[in-house]
Amino acid sequence: MPKLKTHKATAKRFQIKKSKKGITILKRNDGQDHFNSRESGKTKRNKKTDNTMSRTMKKTILRAMPHN
């Protein structure tokens, strides 16, 4: 059987957290690099928080990252 390889682009974008409750996958919000001065304070604040991925996306991401 061939080796299972990690999809590197997926590994860079998502972070896997394991706890007693189960596995959660976090993703940084988009659009944090530049042009943020024009955003409202509420938008800037919301961009700083991480997003939790849905159950269906979690399945796909875990398949792409077998060793995490």
C-alpha atoms as a PDB file:
ATOM      1  CA  MET A   1       0.000   0.000   0.000  1.00  0.00           C
ATOM      2  CA  PRO A   2       1.442   3.437  -0.890  1.00  0.00           C
ATOM      3  CA  LYS A   3       2.289   6.067   1.683  1.00  0.00           C
ATOM      4  CA  LEU A   4      -0.426   8.497   2.751  1.00  0.00           C
ATOM      5  CA  LYS A   5       0.704  12.006   1.938  1.00  0.00           C
ATOM      6  CA  THR A   6      -0.375  15.236   3.589  1.00  0.00           C
ATOM      7  CA  HIS A   7      -1.876  17.879   1.302  1.00  0.00           C
ATOM      8  CA  LYS A   8       0.492  20.747   2.132  1.00  0.00           C
ATOM      9  CA  ALA A   9      -1.805  23.629   1.088  1.00  0.00           C
ATOM     10  CA  THR A  10      -4.498  22.279   3.421  1.00  0.00           C
ATOM     11  CA  ALA A  11      -1.984  21.830   6.244  1.00  0.00           C
ATOM     12  CA  LYS A  12      -0.951  25.493   5.952  1.00  0.00           C
ATOM     13  CA  ARG A  13      -4.504  26.845   6.017  1.00  0.00           C
ATOM     14  CA  PHE A  14      -6.120  24.773   8.752  1.00  0.00           C
ATOM     15  CA  GLN A  15      -5.248  23.972  12.337  1.00  0.00           C
ATOM     16  CA  ILE A  16      -6.505  20.807  14.046  1.00  0.00           C
ATOM     17  CA  LYS A  17      -7.304  20.973  17.762  1.00  0.00           C
ATOM     18  CA  LYS A  18      -7.990  17.781  19.692  1.00  0.00           C
ATOM     19  CA  SER A  19      -9.804  17.725  23.033  1.00  0.00           C
ATOM     20  CA  LYS A  20     -11.988  15.424  25.107  1.00  0.00           C
ATOM     21  CA  LYS A  21     -15.057  16.765  23.275  1.00  0.00           C
ATOM     22  CA  GLY A  22     -13.610  15.829  19.880  1.00  0.00           C
ATOM     23  CA  ILE A  23     -11.732  17.380  17.001  1.00  0.00           C
ATOM     24  CA  THR A  24     -12.224  20.999  15.962  1.00  0.00           C
ATOM     25  CA  ILE A  25     -10.693  22.522  12.867  1.00  0.00           C
ATOM     26  CA  LEU A  26      -9.864  26.221  12.833  1.00  0.00           C
ATOM     27  CA  LYS A  27      -9.293  28.497   9.856  1.00  0.00           C
ATOM     28  CA  ARG A  28      -8.118  32.107   9.864  1.00  0.00           C
ATOM     29  CA  ASN A  29     -10.509  34.658   8.375  1.00  0.00           C
ATOM     30  CA  ASP A  30      -9.857  35.966   4.872  1.00  0.00           C
ATOM     31  CA  GLY A  31      -8.700  39.451   3.948  1.00  0.00           C
ATOM     32  CA  GLN A  32      -6.451  40.411   6.855  1.00  0.00           C
ATOM     33  CA  ASP A  33      -3.381  41.417   4.861  1.00  0.00           C
ATOM     34  CA  HIS A  34      -4.035  44.947   3.617  1.00  0.00           C
ATOM     35  CA  PHE A  35      -6.748  47.567   2.940  1.00  0.00           C
ATOM     36  CA  ASN A  36      -7.970  47.199   6.512  1.00  0.00           C
ATOM     37  CA  SER A  37      -8.006  50.902   7.360  1.00  0.00           C
ATOM     38  CA  ARG A  38     -11.204  51.362   5.367  1.00  0.00           C
ATOM     39  CA  GLU A  39     -12.998  48.642   7.310  1.00  0.00           C
ATOM     40  CA  SER A  40     -15.253  49.463  10.233  1.00  0.00           C
ATOM     41  CA  GLY A  41     -14.129  48.561  13.746  1.00  0.00           C
ATOM     42  CA  LYS A  42     -16.652  45.736  13.897  1.00  0.00           C
ATOM     43  CA  THR A  43     -15.294  44.170  10.705  1.00  0.00           C
ATOM     44  CA  LYS A  44     -11.683  44.461  11.866  1.00  0.00           C
ATOM     45  CA  ARG A  45     -12.565  42.802  15.167  1.00  0.00           C
ATOM     46  CA  ASN A  46     -14.426  39.977  13.465  1.00  0.00           C
ATOM     47  CA  LYS A  47     -11.503  39.298  11.124  1.00  0.00           C
ATOM     48  CA  LYS A  48      -9.237  38.578  14.103  1.00  0.00           C
ATOM     49  CA  THR A  49     -11.267  35.567  15.256  1.00  0.00           C
ATOM     50  CA  ASP A  50     -10.828  32.056  13.863  1.00  0.00           C
ATOM     51  CA  ASN A  51     -13.629  30.204  12.102  1.00  0.00           C
ATOM     52  CA  THR A  52     -14.661  26.690  13.118  1.00  0.00           C
ATOM     53  CA  MET A  53     -15.276  24.432  10.147  1.00  0.00           C
ATOM     54  CA  SER A  54     -18.521  22.523   9.588  1.00  0.00           C
ATOM     55  CA  ARG A  55     -18.829  18.763   9.988  1.00  0.00           C
ATOM     56  CA  THR A  56     -18.745  18.091   6.229  1.00  0.00           C
ATOM     57  CA  MET A  57     -15.650  20.274   5.704  1.00  0.00           C
ATOM     58  CA  LYS A  58     -14.021  18.607   8.724  1.00  0.00           C
ATOM     59  CA  LYS A  59     -14.308  15.223   7.019  1.00  0.00           C
ATOM     60  CA  THR A  60     -12.662  16.501   3.815  1.00  0.00           C
ATOM     61  CA  ILE A  61      -9.859  18.293   5.658  1.00  0.00           C
ATOM     62  CA  LEU A  62      -9.033  15.291   7.842  1.00  0.00           C
ATOM     63  CA  ARG A  63      -8.812  13.107   4.732  1.00  0.00           C
ATOM     64  CA  ALA A  64      -6.301  15.565   3.211  1.00  0.00           C
ATOM     65  CA  MET A  65      -4.229  15.605   6.426  1.00  0.00           C
ATOM     66  CA  PRO A  66      -3.886  11.967   7.544  1.00  0.00           C
ATOM     67  CA  HIS A  67      -0.971  12.445   9.973  1.00  0.00           C
ATOM     68  CA  ASN A  68      -2.391  15.226  12.148  1.00  0.00           C
END
